[in-house]
């Protein structure tokens, strides 16, 4: 299963990408995608959003997470 496009998600509320069916847990999370939230989520998605359908186990390396966050921030619509 492939998730939604990450273009333009930085600074946006989680679960609001049009055309993608998010888990109830993600819709209720109230998260906004900023550096801290993305870092925590990339490290351990199921800890940040219990009940998420995300099948990603997480990224333990903090430098790699910083690079991914920088990339996500560069994706503009």
N, C-alpha and C. Protein backbone atom coordinates (compact mmCIF):
# COMPACT_ATOMS: atom_id res chain seq x y z
N UNK A 1 0.85 -1.18 0.00
CA UNK A 1 0.00 0.00 0.00
C UNK A 1 0.89 1.24 0.00
N UNK A 2 0.53 2.21 -0.78
CA UNK A 2 1.30 3.45 -0.88
C UNK A 2 0.51 4.56 -0.23
N UNK A 3 1.22 5.39 0.53
CA UNK A 3 0.57 6.50 1.23
C UNK A 3 0.32 7.69 0.33
N UNK A 4 -0.13 8.77 0.92
CA UNK A 4 -0.44 9.99 0.16
C UNK A 4 0.84 10.71 -0.27
N UNK A 5 0.71 11.61 -1.19
CA UNK A 5 1.83 12.46 -1.58
C UNK A 5 2.25 13.30 -0.37
N UNK A 6 3.55 13.51 -0.24
CA UNK A 6 4.07 14.32 0.85
C UNK A 6 4.29 15.77 0.42
N UNK A 7 4.00 16.08 -0.82
CA UNK A 7 4.16 17.44 -1.32
C UNK A 7 3.25 18.40 -0.57
N UNK A 8 3.87 19.40 0.03
CA UNK A 8 3.10 20.43 0.72
C UNK A 8 2.56 20.06 2.08
N UNK A 9 2.97 18.92 2.65
CA UNK A 9 2.39 18.55 3.95
C UNK A 9 3.02 19.29 5.12
N UNK A 10 4.25 19.82 4.93
CA UNK A 10 4.91 20.49 6.05
C UNK A 10 4.07 21.67 6.52
N UNK A 11 3.78 21.71 7.82
CA UNK A 11 2.96 22.77 8.39
C UNK A 11 1.47 22.50 8.32
N UNK A 12 1.08 21.40 7.70
CA UNK A 12 -0.34 21.05 7.55
C UNK A 12 -0.77 20.06 8.63
N UNK A 13 -2.07 19.98 8.82
CA UNK A 13 -2.65 19.03 9.77
C UNK A 13 -2.60 17.63 9.18
N UNK A 14 -2.27 16.65 10.00
CA UNK A 14 -2.21 15.26 9.57
C UNK A 14 -3.59 14.77 9.14
N UNK A 15 -3.60 13.95 8.09
CA UNK A 15 -4.85 13.34 7.64
C UNK A 15 -5.68 14.18 6.71
N UNK A 16 -5.09 15.22 6.12
CA UNK A 16 -5.89 16.10 5.28
C UNK A 16 -5.46 16.14 3.82
N UNK A 17 -4.78 15.10 3.34
CA UNK A 17 -4.43 15.04 1.93
C UNK A 17 -5.65 14.50 1.18
N UNK A 18 -6.14 15.30 0.27
CA UNK A 18 -7.35 14.94 -0.48
C UNK A 18 -7.13 13.67 -1.29
N UNK A 19 -8.13 12.79 -1.27
CA UNK A 19 -8.10 11.59 -2.07
C UNK A 19 -7.43 10.39 -1.41
N UNK A 20 -6.94 10.55 -0.18
CA UNK A 20 -6.33 9.42 0.51
C UNK A 20 -7.18 9.07 1.72
N UNK A 21 -7.37 7.78 1.94
CA UNK A 21 -8.17 7.31 3.07
C UNK A 21 -7.26 7.03 4.27
N UNK A 22 -7.28 7.91 5.23
CA UNK A 22 -6.45 7.79 6.43
C UNK A 22 -7.13 6.93 7.48
N UNK A 23 -6.33 6.36 8.36
CA UNK A 23 -6.87 5.58 9.47
C UNK A 23 -7.61 6.52 10.42
N UNK A 24 -8.59 6.00 11.13
CA UNK A 24 -9.27 6.82 12.13
C UNK A 24 -8.28 7.41 13.14
N UNK A 25 -7.25 6.64 13.49
CA UNK A 25 -6.25 7.11 14.46
C UNK A 25 -5.54 8.36 13.93
N UNK A 26 -5.17 8.35 12.66
CA UNK A 26 -4.49 9.51 12.08
C UNK A 26 -5.43 10.71 12.01
N UNK A 27 -6.66 10.46 11.63
CA UNK A 27 -7.63 11.55 11.53
C UNK A 27 -7.88 12.21 12.89
N UNK A 28 -7.83 11.43 13.96
CA UNK A 28 -8.08 11.95 15.30
C UNK A 28 -6.82 12.46 16.00
N UNK A 29 -5.66 12.29 15.37
CA UNK A 29 -4.39 12.59 16.04
C UNK A 29 -4.20 14.06 16.39
N UNK A 30 -4.74 14.96 15.57
CA UNK A 30 -4.56 16.38 15.81
C UNK A 30 -3.14 16.88 15.53
N UNK A 31 -2.32 16.05 14.91
CA UNK A 31 -0.94 16.42 14.62
C UNK A 31 -0.84 17.47 13.53
N UNK A 32 0.17 18.31 13.64
CA UNK A 32 0.55 19.22 12.56
C UNK A 32 1.99 18.86 12.22
N UNK A 33 2.28 18.70 10.95
CA UNK A 33 3.59 18.24 10.50
C UNK A 33 4.62 19.36 10.57
N UNK A 34 5.34 19.41 11.69
CA UNK A 34 6.46 20.32 11.86
C UNK A 34 7.70 19.48 12.14
N UNK A 35 8.84 20.10 12.40
CA UNK A 35 10.08 19.36 12.60
C UNK A 35 9.96 18.34 13.74
N UNK A 36 9.45 18.77 14.88
CA UNK A 36 9.37 17.89 16.04
C UNK A 36 8.42 16.72 15.81
N UNK A 37 7.27 17.00 15.23
CA UNK A 37 6.28 15.95 14.97
C UNK A 37 6.80 14.96 13.95
N UNK A 38 7.37 15.47 12.86
CA UNK A 38 7.93 14.57 11.84
C UNK A 38 9.05 13.72 12.42
N UNK A 39 9.91 14.32 13.23
CA UNK A 39 11.02 13.58 13.82
C UNK A 39 10.49 12.42 14.68
N UNK A 40 9.55 12.72 15.54
CA UNK A 40 8.98 11.68 16.41
C UNK A 40 8.26 10.61 15.59
N UNK A 41 7.50 11.04 14.59
CA UNK A 41 6.74 10.10 13.78
C UNK A 41 7.66 9.21 12.95
N UNK A 42 8.69 9.80 12.34
CA UNK A 42 9.62 9.00 11.56
C UNK A 42 10.39 8.01 12.43
N UNK A 43 10.64 8.38 13.68
CA UNK A 43 11.33 7.47 14.58
C UNK A 43 10.46 6.28 14.97
N UNK A 44 9.17 6.53 15.25
CA UNK A 44 8.29 5.46 15.71
C UNK A 44 6.83 5.84 15.46
N UNK A 45 6.34 5.58 14.24
CA UNK A 45 4.98 5.98 13.88
C UNK A 45 3.90 5.44 14.82
N UNK A 46 4.04 4.21 15.24
CA UNK A 46 2.99 3.58 16.07
C UNK A 46 2.98 4.12 17.50
N UNK A 47 4.08 4.68 17.95
CA UNK A 47 4.11 5.31 19.26
C UNK A 47 3.42 6.67 19.21
N UNK A 48 3.66 7.40 18.12
CA UNK A 48 3.09 8.75 17.98
C UNK A 48 1.60 8.68 17.66
N UNK A 49 1.21 7.73 16.82
CA UNK A 49 -0.21 7.56 16.45
C UNK A 49 -0.59 6.10 16.66
N UNK A 50 -0.90 5.72 17.90
CA UNK A 50 -1.33 4.34 18.14
C UNK A 50 -2.56 4.02 17.29
N UNK A 51 -2.52 2.89 16.62
CA UNK A 51 -3.64 2.50 15.77
C UNK A 51 -3.47 2.91 14.32
N UNK A 52 -2.35 3.55 13.98
CA UNK A 52 -2.12 3.92 12.59
C UNK A 52 -2.00 2.68 11.72
N UNK A 53 -2.34 2.80 10.46
CA UNK A 53 -2.18 1.69 9.52
C UNK A 53 -0.79 1.71 8.90
N UNK A 54 0.01 2.70 9.24
CA UNK A 54 1.35 2.83 8.68
C UNK A 54 2.16 1.57 9.01
N UNK A 55 2.65 0.88 7.99
CA UNK A 55 3.38 -0.36 8.22
C UNK A 55 4.89 -0.14 8.29
N UNK A 56 5.29 1.09 8.47
CA UNK A 56 6.69 1.48 8.57
C UNK A 56 7.17 1.32 10.01
N UNK A 57 8.28 0.60 10.21
CA UNK A 57 8.76 0.31 11.56
C UNK A 57 9.45 1.49 12.23
N UNK A 58 9.94 2.44 11.47
CA UNK A 58 10.60 3.60 12.05
C UNK A 58 12.05 3.72 11.62
N UNK A 59 12.60 4.90 11.82
CA UNK A 59 13.98 5.21 11.45
C UNK A 59 14.70 5.66 12.72
N UNK A 60 15.63 4.87 13.17
CA UNK A 60 16.30 5.14 14.45
C UNK A 60 17.39 6.20 14.35
N UNK A 61 18.01 6.36 13.19
CA UNK A 61 19.13 7.28 13.02
C UNK A 61 18.64 8.74 12.94
N UNK A 62 18.98 9.57 13.94
CA UNK A 62 18.49 10.96 13.96
C UNK A 62 19.00 11.82 12.80
N UNK A 63 20.20 11.56 12.31
CA UNK A 63 20.71 12.33 11.17
C UNK A 63 19.94 12.00 9.90
N UNK A 64 19.60 10.75 9.73
CA UNK A 64 18.80 10.37 8.56
C UNK A 64 17.41 11.00 8.65
N UNK A 65 16.84 11.04 9.85
CA UNK A 65 15.52 11.68 10.02
C UNK A 65 15.60 13.16 9.66
N UNK A 66 16.68 13.83 10.06
CA UNK A 66 16.85 15.25 9.72
C UNK A 66 16.88 15.45 8.21
N UNK A 67 17.55 14.54 7.50
CA UNK A 67 17.62 14.62 6.04
C UNK A 67 16.25 14.41 5.41
N UNK A 68 15.51 13.46 5.92
CA UNK A 68 14.16 13.20 5.39
C UNK A 68 13.27 14.42 5.65
N UNK A 69 13.36 14.99 6.83
CA UNK A 69 12.55 16.17 7.16
C UNK A 69 12.92 17.34 6.24
N UNK A 70 14.20 17.55 6.00
CA UNK A 70 14.62 18.62 5.08
C UNK A 70 14.05 18.37 3.69
N UNK A 71 14.06 17.13 3.25
CA UNK A 71 13.49 16.80 1.95
C UNK A 71 11.99 17.09 1.92
N UNK A 72 11.27 16.65 2.94
CA UNK A 72 9.82 16.90 3.01
C UNK A 72 9.53 18.39 2.98
N UNK A 73 10.34 19.17 3.69
CA UNK A 73 10.15 20.62 3.70
C UNK A 73 10.40 21.24 2.33
N UNK A 74 11.23 20.59 1.52
CA UNK A 74 11.53 21.13 0.19
C UNK A 74 10.42 20.85 -0.82
N UNK A 75 9.51 19.96 -0.49
CA UNK A 75 8.43 19.57 -1.41
C UNK A 75 7.30 20.60 -1.31
N UNK A 76 7.22 21.44 -2.29
CA UNK A 76 6.15 22.45 -2.29
C UNK A 76 5.21 22.18 -3.45
N UNK A 77 3.98 22.55 -3.26
CA UNK A 77 2.98 22.29 -4.30
C UNK A 77 3.04 23.32 -5.40
